[in-house]
Amino acid sequence: MKQRLMTPDAEIDAIEEEWWNNHAHLVEAVWAMPPILREAARRHYLQKVRKFFLAGNSNRPAKIIEIGCGSGWVGQMIAEPDVFHIMGIDLSRSQIAL
């Protein structure tokens, strides 16, 4: 495979998008885990994420754009009405569909 350059490369982008679309369920199984396990395993990380986004920001809801959100499980786990407004984008339609 060609090395990724700092400039856009349509061929590499297409290969990467195809890979993420074809492997969305596998990636979700590895990273997301069932909700109860996900919460237990990632509780400390998620608390740090919430604290980071709230630090020094008195605006509510805090507005967050998650680039490369995959299925959006991180945003879903930190979401709280009137605290965060989270928008996620991802190149993989299959990840978004999950």
PDB file of N, CA and C in Angstrom:
ATOM      1  N   MET A   1       0.849  -1.179   0.000  1.00  0.00           N
ATOM      2  CA  MET A   1       0.000   0.000   0.000  1.00  0.00           C
ATOM      3  C   MET A   1       0.888   1.233   0.000  1.00  0.00           C
ATOM      4  N   LYS A   2       0.422   2.278  -0.660  1.00  0.00           N
ATOM      5  CA  LYS A   2       1.171   3.527  -0.724  1.00  0.00           C
ATOM      6  C   LYS A   2       1.171   4.225   0.628  1.00  0.00           C
ATOM      7  N   GLN A   3       2.269   4.921   0.918  1.00  0.00           N
ATOM      8  CA  GLN A   3       2.365   5.678   2.151  1.00  0.00           C
ATOM      9  C   GLN A   3       1.452   6.899   2.090  1.00  0.00           C
ATOM     10  N   ARG A   4       0.798   7.204   3.200  1.00  0.00           N
ATOM     11  CA  ARG A   4      -0.121   8.335   3.274  1.00  0.00           C
ATOM     12  C   ARG A   4       0.667   9.640   3.254  1.00  0.00           C
ATOM     13  N   LEU A   5       0.314  10.541   2.361  1.00  0.00           N
ATOM     14  CA  LEU A   5       0.948  11.841   2.252  1.00  0.00           C
ATOM     15  C   LEU A   5       0.124  12.886   2.985  1.00  0.00           C
ATOM     16  N   MET A   6       0.677  14.061   3.159  1.00  0.00           N
ATOM     17  CA  MET A   6      -0.049  15.141   3.822  1.00  0.00           C
ATOM     18  C   MET A   6      -1.082  15.785   2.900  1.00  0.00           C
ATOM     19  N   THR A   7      -1.006  15.487   1.627  1.00  0.00           N
ATOM     20  CA  THR A   7      -1.976  16.029   0.677  1.00  0.00           C
ATOM     21  C   THR A   7      -2.996  14.948   0.354  1.00  0.00           C
ATOM     22  N   PRO A   8      -4.220  15.339   0.041  1.00  0.00           N
ATOM     23  CA  PRO A   8      -5.250  14.350  -0.277  1.00  0.00           C
ATOM     24  C   PRO A   8      -4.842  13.467  -1.456  1.00  0.00           C
ATOM     25  N   ASP A   9      -5.221  12.220  -1.371  1.00  0.00           N
ATOM     26  CA  ASP A   9      -4.960  11.262  -2.434  1.00  0.00           C
ATOM     27  C   ASP A   9      -6.252  10.461  -2.629  1.00  0.00           C
ATOM     28  N   ALA A  10      -6.954  10.701  -3.722  1.00  0.00           N
ATOM     29  CA  ALA A  10      -8.266  10.086  -3.959  1.00  0.00           C
ATOM     30  C   ALA A  10      -8.200   8.563  -3.950  1.00  0.00           C
ATOM     31  N   GLU A  11      -7.121   7.995  -4.479  1.00  0.00           N
ATOM     32  CA  GLU A  11      -6.986   6.532  -4.517  1.00  0.00           C
ATOM     33  C   GLU A  11      -6.881   5.955  -3.106  1.00  0.00           C
ATOM     34  N   ILE A  12      -6.040   6.540  -2.281  1.00  0.00           N
ATOM     35  CA  ILE A  12      -5.892   6.067  -0.903  1.00  0.00           C
ATOM     36  C   ILE A  12      -7.178   6.316  -0.120  1.00  0.00           C
ATOM     37  N   ASP A  13      -7.795   7.464  -0.317  1.00  0.00           N
ATOM     38  CA  ASP A  13      -9.056   7.764   0.366  1.00  0.00           C
ATOM     39  C   ASP A  13     -10.118   6.718   0.041  1.00  0.00           C
ATOM     40  N   ALA A  14     -10.206   6.319  -1.227  1.00  0.00           N
ATOM     41  CA  ALA A  14     -11.198   5.326  -1.649  1.00  0.00           C
ATOM     42  C   ALA A  14     -10.908   3.969  -1.012  1.00  0.00           C
ATOM     43  N   ILE A  15      -9.636   3.589  -0.947  1.00  0.00           N
ATOM     44  CA  ILE A  15      -9.254   2.312  -0.322  1.00  0.00           C
ATOM     45  C   ILE A  15      -9.600   2.328   1.162  1.00  0.00           C
ATOM     46  N   GLU A  16      -9.278   3.437   1.822  1.00  0.00           N
ATOM     47  CA  GLU A  16      -9.564   3.556   3.244  1.00  0.00           C
ATOM     48  C   GLU A  16     -11.067   3.534   3.517  1.00  0.00           C
ATOM     49  N   GLU A  17     -11.816   4.268   2.740  1.00  0.00           N
ATOM     50  CA  GLU A  17     -13.273   4.283   2.918  1.00  0.00           C
ATOM     51  C   GLU A  17     -13.864   2.894   2.722  1.00  0.00           C
ATOM     52  N   GLU A  18     -13.405   2.182   1.701  1.00  0.00           N
ATOM     53  CA  GLU A  18     -13.895   0.824   1.447  1.00  0.00           C
ATOM     54  C   GLU A  18     -13.575  -0.098   2.623  1.00  0.00           C
ATOM     55  N   TRP A  19     -12.338   0.016   3.159  1.00  0.00           N
ATOM     56  CA  TRP A  19     -11.958  -0.831   4.292  1.00  0.00           C
ATOM     57  C   TRP A  19     -12.870  -0.583   5.479  1.00  0.00           C
ATOM     58  N   TRP A  20     -13.078   0.688   5.840  1.00  0.00           N
ATOM     59  CA  TRP A  20     -13.929   1.002   6.993  1.00  0.00           C
ATOM     60  C   TRP A  20     -15.358   0.543   6.768  1.00  0.00           C
ATOM     61  N   ASN A  21     -15.881   0.701   5.556  1.00  0.00           N
ATOM     62  CA  ASN A  21     -17.236   0.229   5.267  1.00  0.00           C
ATOM     63  C   ASN A  21     -17.335  -1.285   5.365  1.00  0.00           C
ATOM     64  N   ASN A  22     -16.331  -1.992   4.845  1.00  0.00           N
ATOM     65  CA  ASN A  22     -16.353  -3.459   4.845  1.00  0.00           C
ATOM     66  C   ASN A  22     -16.122  -4.055   6.227  1.00  0.00           C
ATOM     67  N   HIS A  23     -15.481  -3.332   7.123  1.00  0.00           N
ATOM     68  CA  HIS A  23     -15.126  -3.878   8.430  1.00  0.00           C
ATOM     69  C   HIS A  23     -15.825  -3.167   9.590  1.00  0.00           C
ATOM     70  N   ALA A  24     -16.870  -2.426   9.309  1.00  0.00           N
ATOM     71  CA  ALA A  24     -17.549  -1.631  10.341  1.00  0.00           C
ATOM     72  C   ALA A  24     -18.007  -2.489  11.524  1.00  0.00           C
ATOM     73  N   HIS A  25     -18.601  -3.642  11.259  1.00  0.00           N
ATOM     74  CA  HIS A  25     -19.103  -4.469  12.357  1.00  0.00           C
ATOM     75  C   HIS A  25     -17.963  -5.024  13.205  1.00  0.00           C
ATOM     76  N   LEU A  26     -16.851  -5.390  12.575  1.00  0.00           N
ATOM     77  CA  LEU A  26     -15.695  -5.886  13.323  1.00  0.00           C
ATOM     78  C   LEU A  26     -15.124  -4.781  14.212  1.00  0.00           C
ATOM     79  N   VAL A  27     -14.959  -3.598  13.656  1.00  0.00           N
ATOM     80  CA  VAL A  27     -14.431  -2.475  14.426  1.00  0.00           C
ATOM     81  C   VAL A  27     -15.350  -2.175  15.601  1.00  0.00           C
ATOM     82  N   GLU A  28     -16.637  -2.194  15.364  1.00  0.00           N
ATOM     83  CA  GLU A  28     -17.600  -1.936  16.434  1.00  0.00           C
ATOM     84  C   GLU A  28     -17.491  -2.994  17.531  1.00  0.00           C
ATOM     85  N   ALA A  29     -17.341  -4.267  17.138  1.00  0.00           N
ATOM     86  CA  ALA A  29     -17.236  -5.347  18.116  1.00  0.00           C
ATOM     87  C   ALA A  29     -15.980  -5.208  18.970  1.00  0.00           C
ATOM     88  N   VAL A  30     -14.900  -4.787  18.366  1.00  0.00           N
ATOM     89  CA  VAL A  30     -13.635  -4.652  19.085  1.00  0.00           C
ATOM     90  C   VAL A  30     -13.639  -3.437  20.008  1.00  0.00           C
ATOM     91  N   TRP A  31     -14.059  -2.265  19.498  1.00  0.00           N
ATOM     92  CA  TRP A  31     -13.942  -1.023  20.246  1.00  0.00           C
ATOM     93  C   TRP A  31     -15.140  -0.697  21.111  1.00  0.00           C
ATOM     94  N   ALA A  32     -16.321  -0.958  20.638  1.00  0.00           N
ATOM     95  CA  ALA A  32     -17.499  -0.498  21.364  1.00  0.00           C
ATOM     96  C   ALA A  32     -17.900  -1.426  22.499  1.00  0.00           C
ATOM     97  N   MET A  33     -17.860  -2.715  22.282  1.00  0.00           N
ATOM     98  CA  MET A  33     -18.261  -3.693  23.288  1.00  0.00           C
ATOM     99  C   MET A  33     -19.710  -3.469  23.716  1.00  0.00           C
ATOM    100  N   PRO A  34     -20.308  -4.433  24.393  1.00  0.00           N
ATOM    101  CA  PRO A  34     -21.656  -4.215  24.930  1.00  0.00           C
ATOM    102  C   PRO A  34     -21.636  -3.043  25.918  1.00  0.00           C
ATOM    103  N   PRO A  35     -22.736  -2.295  26.004  1.00  0.00           N
ATOM    104  CA  PRO A  35     -22.757  -1.087  26.839  1.00  0.00           C
ATOM    105  C   PRO A  35     -22.281  -1.279  28.285  1.00  0.00           C
ATOM    106  N   ILE A  36     -22.650  -2.352  28.941  1.00  0.00           N
ATOM    107  CA  ILE A  36     -22.260  -2.521  30.350  1.00  0.00           C
ATOM    108  C   ILE A  36     -20.745  -2.716  30.480  1.00  0.00           C
ATOM    109  N   LEU A  37     -20.146  -3.461  29.548  1.00  0.00           N
ATOM    110  CA  LEU A  37     -18.693  -3.646  29.552  1.00  0.00           C
ATOM    111  C   LEU A  37     -17.973  -2.371  29.137  1.00  0.00           C
ATOM    112  N   ARG A  38     -18.530  -1.705  28.146  1.00  0.00           N
ATOM    113  CA  ARG A  38     -17.954  -0.461  27.654  1.00  0.00           C
ATOM    114  C   ARG A  38     -17.879   0.570  28.779  1.00  0.00           C
ATOM    115  N   GLU A  39     -18.935   0.688  29.539  1.00  0.00           N
ATOM    116  CA  GLU A  39     -18.969   1.647  30.654  1.00  0.00           C
ATOM    117  C   GLU A  39     -17.933   1.268  31.712  1.00  0.00           C
ATOM    118  N   ALA A  40     -17.856   0.000  32.057  1.00  0.00           N
ATOM    119  CA  ALA A  40     -16.902  -0.429  33.079  1.00  0.00           C
ATOM    120  C   ALA A  40     -15.459  -0.247  32.608  1.00  0.00           C
ATOM    121  N   ALA A  41     -15.182  -0.635  31.381  1.00  0.00           N
ATOM    122  CA  ALA A  41     -13.813  -0.586  30.870  1.00  0.00           C
ATOM    123  C   ALA A  41     -13.346   0.823  30.559  1.00  0.00           C
ATOM    124  N   ARG A  42     -14.260   1.695  30.189  1.00  0.00           N
ATOM    125  CA  ARG A  42     -13.858   3.017  29.714  1.00  0.00           C
ATOM    126  C   ARG A  42     -14.327   4.168  30.612  1.00  0.00           C
ATOM    127  N   ARG A  43     -14.838   3.844  31.801  1.00  0.00           N
ATOM    128  CA  ARG A  43     -15.379   4.866  32.704  1.00  0.00           C
ATOM    129  C   ARG A  43     -14.378   5.991  32.962  1.00  0.00           C
ATOM    130  N   HIS A  44     -13.145   5.648  33.315  1.00  0.00           N
ATOM    131  CA  HIS A  44     -12.137   6.665  33.625  1.00  0.00           C
ATOM    132  C   HIS A  44     -11.869   7.555  32.410  1.00  0.00           C
ATOM    133  N   TYR A  45     -11.716   6.942  31.249  1.00  0.00           N
ATOM    134  CA  TYR A  45     -11.478   7.687  30.007  1.00  0.00           C
ATOM    135  C   TYR A  45     -12.646   8.625  29.706  1.00  0.00           C
ATOM    136  N   LEU A  46     -13.866   8.122  29.817  1.00  0.00           N
ATOM    137  CA  LEU A  46     -15.046   8.935  29.511  1.00  0.00           C
ATOM    138  C   LEU A  46     -15.196  10.101  30.488  1.00  0.00           C
ATOM    139  N   GLN A  47     -14.849   9.898  31.752  1.00  0.00           N
ATOM    140  CA  GLN A  47     -14.891  10.986  32.723  1.00  0.00           C
ATOM    141  C   GLN A  47     -13.885  12.078  32.348  1.00  0.00           C
ATOM    142  N   LYS A  48     -12.696  11.661  31.889  1.00  0.00           N
ATOM    143  CA  LYS A  48     -11.685  12.629  31.458  1.00  0.00           C
ATOM    144  C   LYS A  48     -12.155  13.397  30.223  1.00  0.00           C
ATOM    145  N   VAL A  49     -12.829  12.723  29.305  1.00  0.00           N
ATOM    146  CA  VAL A  49     -13.347  13.376  28.100  1.00  0.00           C
ATOM    147  C   VAL A  49     -14.369  14.433  28.484  1.00  0.00           C
ATOM    148  N   ARG A  50     -15.320  14.080  29.324  1.00  0.00           N
ATOM    149  CA  ARG A  50     -16.340  15.032  29.769  1.00  0.00           C
ATOM    150  C   ARG A  50     -15.693  16.241  30.447  1.00  0.00           C
ATOM    151  N   LYS A  51     -14.751  15.994  31.350  1.00  0.00           N
ATOM    152  CA  LYS A  51     -14.069  17.071  32.069  1.00  0.00           C
ATOM    153  C   LYS A  51     -13.321  17.982  31.096  1.00  0.00           C
ATOM    154  N   PHE A  52     -12.644  17.397  30.120  1.00  0.00           N
ATOM    155  CA  PHE A  52     -11.902  18.163  29.120  1.00  0.00           C
ATOM    156  C   PHE A  52     -12.827  19.121  28.375  1.00  0.00           C
ATOM    157  N   PHE A  53     -13.981  18.626  27.915  1.00  0.00           N
ATOM    158  CA  PHE A  53     -14.882  19.457  27.131  1.00  0.00           C
ATOM    159  C   PHE A  53     -15.601  20.517  27.958  1.00  0.00           C
ATOM    160  N   LEU A  54     -15.698  20.312  29.253  1.00  0.00           N
ATOM    161  CA  LEU A  54     -16.367  21.292  30.105  1.00  0.00           C
ATOM    162  C   LEU A  54     -15.403  22.311  30.702  1.00  0.00           C
ATOM    163  N   ALA A  55     -14.121  21.991  30.768  1.00  0.00           N
ATOM    164  CA  ALA A  55     -13.126  22.871  31.389  1.00  0.00           C
ATOM    165  C   ALA A  55     -13.041  24.199  30.641  1.00  0.00           C
ATOM    166  N   GLY A  56     -13.182  25.280  31.385  1.00  0.00           N
ATOM    167  CA  GLY A  56     -13.025  26.610  30.815  1.00  0.00           C
ATOM    168  C   GLY A  56     -14.102  27.012  29.828  1.00  0.00           C
ATOM    169  N   ASN A  57     -15.174  26.267  29.780  1.00  0.00           N
ATOM    170  CA  ASN A  57     -16.248  26.562  28.841  1.00  0.00           C
ATOM    171  C   ASN A  57     -17.553  26.640  29.623  1.00  0.00           C
ATOM    172  N   SER A  58     -18.052  27.844  29.820  1.00  0.00           N
ATOM    173  CA  SER A  58     -19.293  27.996  30.579  1.00  0.00           C
ATOM    174  C   SER A  58     -20.528  27.954  29.682  1.00  0.00           C
ATOM    175  N   ASN A  59     -20.339  27.927  28.365  1.00  0.00           N
ATOM    176  CA  ASN A  59     -21.485  27.850  27.450  1.00  0.00           C
ATOM    177  C   ASN A  59     -22.137  26.473  27.530  1.00  0.00           C
ATOM    178  N   ARG A  60     -23.451  26.474  27.635  1.00  0.00           N
ATOM    179  CA  ARG A  60     -24.196  25.210  27.646  1.00  0.00           C
ATOM    180  C   ARG A  60     -25.315  25.309  26.641  1.00  0.00           C
ATOM    181  N   PRO A  61     -25.511  24.311  25.847  1.00  0.00           N
ATOM    182  CA  PRO A  61     -24.690  23.103  25.819  1.00  0.00           C
ATOM    183  C   PRO A  61     -23.347  23.368  25.154  1.00  0.00           C
ATOM    184  N   ALA A  62     -22.316  22.662  25.625  1.00  0.00           N
ATOM    185  CA  ALA A  62     -21.001  22.732  24.983  1.00  0.00           C
ATOM    186  C   ALA A  62     -21.129  22.059  23.621  1.00  0.00           C
ATOM    187  N   LYS A  63     -20.595  22.688  22.602  1.00  0.00           N
ATOM    188  CA  LYS A  63     -20.712  22.166  21.243  1.00  0.00           C
ATOM    189  C   LYS A  63     -19.448  21.401  20.874  1.00  0.00           C
ATOM    190  N   ILE A  64     -19.633  20.155  20.434  1.00  0.00           N
ATOM    191  CA  ILE A  64     -18.525  19.258  20.113  1.00  0.00           C
ATOM    192  C   ILE A  64     -18.736  18.690  18.723  1.00  0.00           C
ATOM    193  N   ILE A  65     -17.677  18.690  17.927  1.00  0.00           N
ATOM    194  CA  ILE A  65     -17.690  17.989  16.638  1.00  0.00           C
ATOM    195  C   ILE A  65     -16.695  16.849  16.755  1.00  0.00           C
ATOM    196  N   GLU A  66     -17.164  15.632  16.619  1.00  0.00           N
ATOM    197  CA  GLU A  66     -16.286  14.462  16.673  1.00  0.00           C
ATOM    198  C   GLU A  66     -15.991  14.017  15.250  1.00  0.00           C
ATOM    199  N   ILE A  67     -14.762  14.231  14.820  1.00  0.00           N
ATOM    200  CA  ILE A  67     -14.344  13.862  13.474  1.00  0.00           C
ATOM    201  C   ILE A  67     -13.804  12.441  13.525  1.00  0.00           C
ATOM    202  N   GLY A  68     -14.354  11.584  12.672  1.00  0.00           N
ATOM    203  CA  GLY A  68     -13.978  10.169  12.704  1.00  0.00           C
ATOM    204  C   GLY A  68     -14.692   9.468  13.846  1.00  0.00           C
ATOM    205  N   CYS A  69     -15.986   9.746  13.992  1.00  0.00           N
ATOM    206  CA  CYS A  69     -16.758   9.266  15.140  1.00  0.00           C
ATOM    207  C   CYS A  69     -17.104   7.783  15.084  1.00  0.00           C
ATOM    208  N   GLY A  70     -16.894   7.142  13.926  1.00  0.00           N
ATOM    209  CA  GLY A  70     -17.299   5.747  13.828  1.00  0.00           C
ATOM    210  C   GLY A  70     -18.789   5.627  14.067  1.00  0.00           C
ATOM    211  N   SER A  71     -19.161   4.738  14.959  1.00  0.00           N
ATOM    212  CA  SER A  71     -20.582   4.546  15.267  1.00  0.00           C
ATOM    213  C   SER A  71     -21.104   5.594  16.248  1.00  0.00           C
ATOM    214  N   GLY A  72     -20.208   6.407  16.781  1.00  0.00           N
ATOM    215  CA  GLY A  72     -20.626   7.464  17.699  1.00  0.00           C
ATOM    216  C   GLY A  72     -20.738   7.040  19.145  1.00  0.00           C
ATOM    217  N   TRP A  73     -20.148   5.897  19.511  1.00  0.00           N
ATOM    218  CA  TRP A  73     -20.339   5.408  20.876  1.00  0.00           C
ATOM    219  C   TRP A  73     -19.740   6.330  21.929  1.00  0.00           C
ATOM    220  N   VAL A  74     -18.622   7.008  21.635  1.00  0.00           N
ATOM    221  CA  VAL A  74     -18.047   7.916  22.634  1.00  0.00           C
ATOM    222  C   VAL A  74     -19.015   9.068  22.904  1.00  0.00           C
ATOM    223  N   GLY A  75     -19.516   9.679  21.842  1.00  0.00           N
ATOM    224  CA  GLY A  75     -20.480  10.767  22.001  1.00  0.00           C
ATOM    225  C   GLY A  75     -21.729  10.320  22.734  1.00  0.00           C
ATOM    226  N   GLN A  76     -22.191   9.125  22.423  1.00  0.00           N
ATOM    227  CA  GLN A  76     -23.392   8.608  23.091  1.00  0.00           C
ATOM    228  C   GLN A  76     -23.141   8.402  24.580  1.00  0.00           C
ATOM    229  N   MET A  77     -21.929   7.978  24.928  1.00  0.00           N
ATOM    230  CA  MET A  77     -21.637   7.691  26.333  1.00  0.00           C
ATOM    231  C   MET A  77     -21.437   8.965  27.160  1.00  0.00           C
ATOM    232  N   ILE A  78     -21.003  10.060  26.521  1.00  0.00           N
ATOM    233  CA  ILE A  78     -20.828  11.289  27.304  1.00  0.00           C
ATOM    234  C   ILE A  78     -22.007  12.237  27.164  1.00  0.00           C
ATOM    235  N   ALA A  79     -22.935  11.901  26.282  1.00  0.00           N
ATOM    236  CA  ALA A  79     -24.072  12.781  26.020  1.00  0.00           C
ATOM    237  C   ALA A  79     -24.902  13.011  27.285  1.00  0.00           C
ATOM    238  N   GLU A  80     -25.337  14.250  27.418  1.00  0.00           N
ATOM    239  CA  GLU A  80     -26.216  14.629  28.520  1.00  0.00           C
ATOM    240  C   GLU A  80     -27.019  15.839  28.054  1.00  0.00           C
ATOM    241  N   PRO A  81     -28.347  15.764  28.103  1.00  0.00           N
ATOM    242  CA  PRO A  81     -29.167  16.884  27.631  1.00  0.00           C
ATOM    243  C   PRO A  81     -28.763  18.198  28.291  1.00  0.00           C
ATOM    244  N   ASP A  82     -28.747  19.242  27.515  1.00  0.00           N
ATOM    245  CA  ASP A  82     -28.428  20.597  27.972  1.00  0.00           C
ATOM    246  C   ASP A  82     -26.983  20.783  28.432  1.00  0.00           C
ATOM    247  N   VAL A  83     -26.143  19.738  28.323  1.00  0.00           N
ATOM    248  CA  VAL A  83     -24.739  19.854  28.696  1.00  0.00           C
ATOM    249  C   VAL A  83     -23.859  19.814  27.446  1.00  0.00           C
ATOM    250  N   PHE A  84     -24.148  18.865  26.555  1.00  0.00           N
ATOM    251  CA  PHE A  84     -23.372  18.713  25.329  1.00  0.00           C
ATOM    252  C   PHE A  84     -24.288  18.683  24.111  1.00  0.00           C
ATOM    253  N   HIS A  85     -23.850  19.325  23.057  1.00  0.00           N
ATOM    254  CA  HIS A  85     -24.454  19.161  21.728  1.00  0.00           C
ATOM    255  C   HIS A  85     -23.336  18.547  20.889  1.00  0.00           C
ATOM    256  N   ILE A  86     -23.496  17.281  20.505  1.00  0.00           N
ATOM    257  CA  ILE A  86     -22.434  16.541  19.830  1.00  0.00           C
ATOM    258  C   ILE A  86     -22.857  16.218  18.406  1.00  0.00           C
ATOM    259  N   MET A  87     -21.986  16.552  17.468  1.00  0.00           N
ATOM    260  CA  MET A  87     -22.198  16.194  16.071  1.00  0.00           C
ATOM    261  C   MET A  87     -20.997  15.361  15.645  1.00  0.00           C
ATOM    262  N   GLY A  88     -21.265  14.213  15.038  1.00  0.00           N
ATOM    263  CA  GLY A  88     -20.182  13.358  14.584  1.00  0.00           C
ATOM    264  C   GLY A  88     -20.197  13.215  13.077  1.00  0.00           C
ATOM    265  N   ILE A  89     -19.000  13.116  12.503  1.00  0.00           N
ATOM    266  CA  ILE A  89     -18.868  12.847  11.073  1.00  0.00           C
ATOM    267  C   ILE A  89     -17.850  11.729  10.894  1.00  0.00           C
ATOM    268  N   ASP A  90     -18.077  10.918   9.880  1.00  0.00           N
ATOM    269  CA  ASP A  90     -17.167   9.820   9.586  1.00  0.00           C
ATOM    270  C   ASP A  90     -17.235   9.520   8.102  1.00  0.00           C
ATOM    271  N   LEU A  91     -16.133   9.063   7.516  1.00  0.00           N
ATOM    272  CA  LEU A  91     -16.135   8.744   6.092  1.00  0.00           C
ATOM    273  C   LEU A  91     -16.851   7.428   5.802  1.00  0.00           C
ATOM    274  N   SER A  92     -17.057   6.603   6.810  1.00  0.00           N
ATOM    275  CA  SER A  92     -17.656   5.283   6.610  1.00  0.00           C
ATOM    276  C   SER A  92     -19.173   5.329   6.811  1.00  0.00           C
ATOM    277  N   ARG A  93     -19.899   5.139   5.753  1.00  0.00           N
ATOM    278  CA  ARG A  93     -21.363   5.086   5.843  1.00  0.00           C
ATOM    279  C   ARG A  93     -21.795   3.912   6.721  1.00  0.00           C
ATOM    280  N   SER A  94     -21.048   2.818   6.661  1.00  0.00           N
ATOM    281  CA  SER A  94     -21.390   1.636   7.479  1.00  0.00           C
ATOM    282  C   SER A  94     -21.225   1.910   8.967  1.00  0.00           C
ATOM    283  N   GLN A  95     -20.171   2.650   9.348  1.00  0.00           N
ATOM    284  CA  GLN A  95     -19.985   3.015  10.747  1.00  0.00           C
ATOM    285  C   GLN A  95     -21.130   3.911  11.214  1.00  0.00           C
ATOM    286  N   ILE A  96     -21.488   4.899  10.423  1.00  0.00           N
ATOM    287  CA  ILE A  96     -22.591   5.801  10.774  1.00  0.00           C
ATOM    288  C   ILE A  96     -23.889   5.022  10.916  1.00  0.00           C
ATOM    289  N   ALA A  97     -24.122   4.066  10.031  1.00  0.00           N
ATOM    290  CA  ALA A  97     -25.347   3.271  10.095  1.00  0.00           C
ATOM    291  C   ALA A  97     -25.458   2.490  11.392  1.00  0.00           C
ATOM    292  N   LEU A  98     -24.299   2.064  11.952  1.00  0.00           N
ATOM    293  CA  LEU A  98     -24.334   1.349  13.224  1.00  0.00           C
ATOM    294  C   LEU A  98     -24.795   2.268  14.339  1.00  0.00           C
TER     295      LEU A  98
END
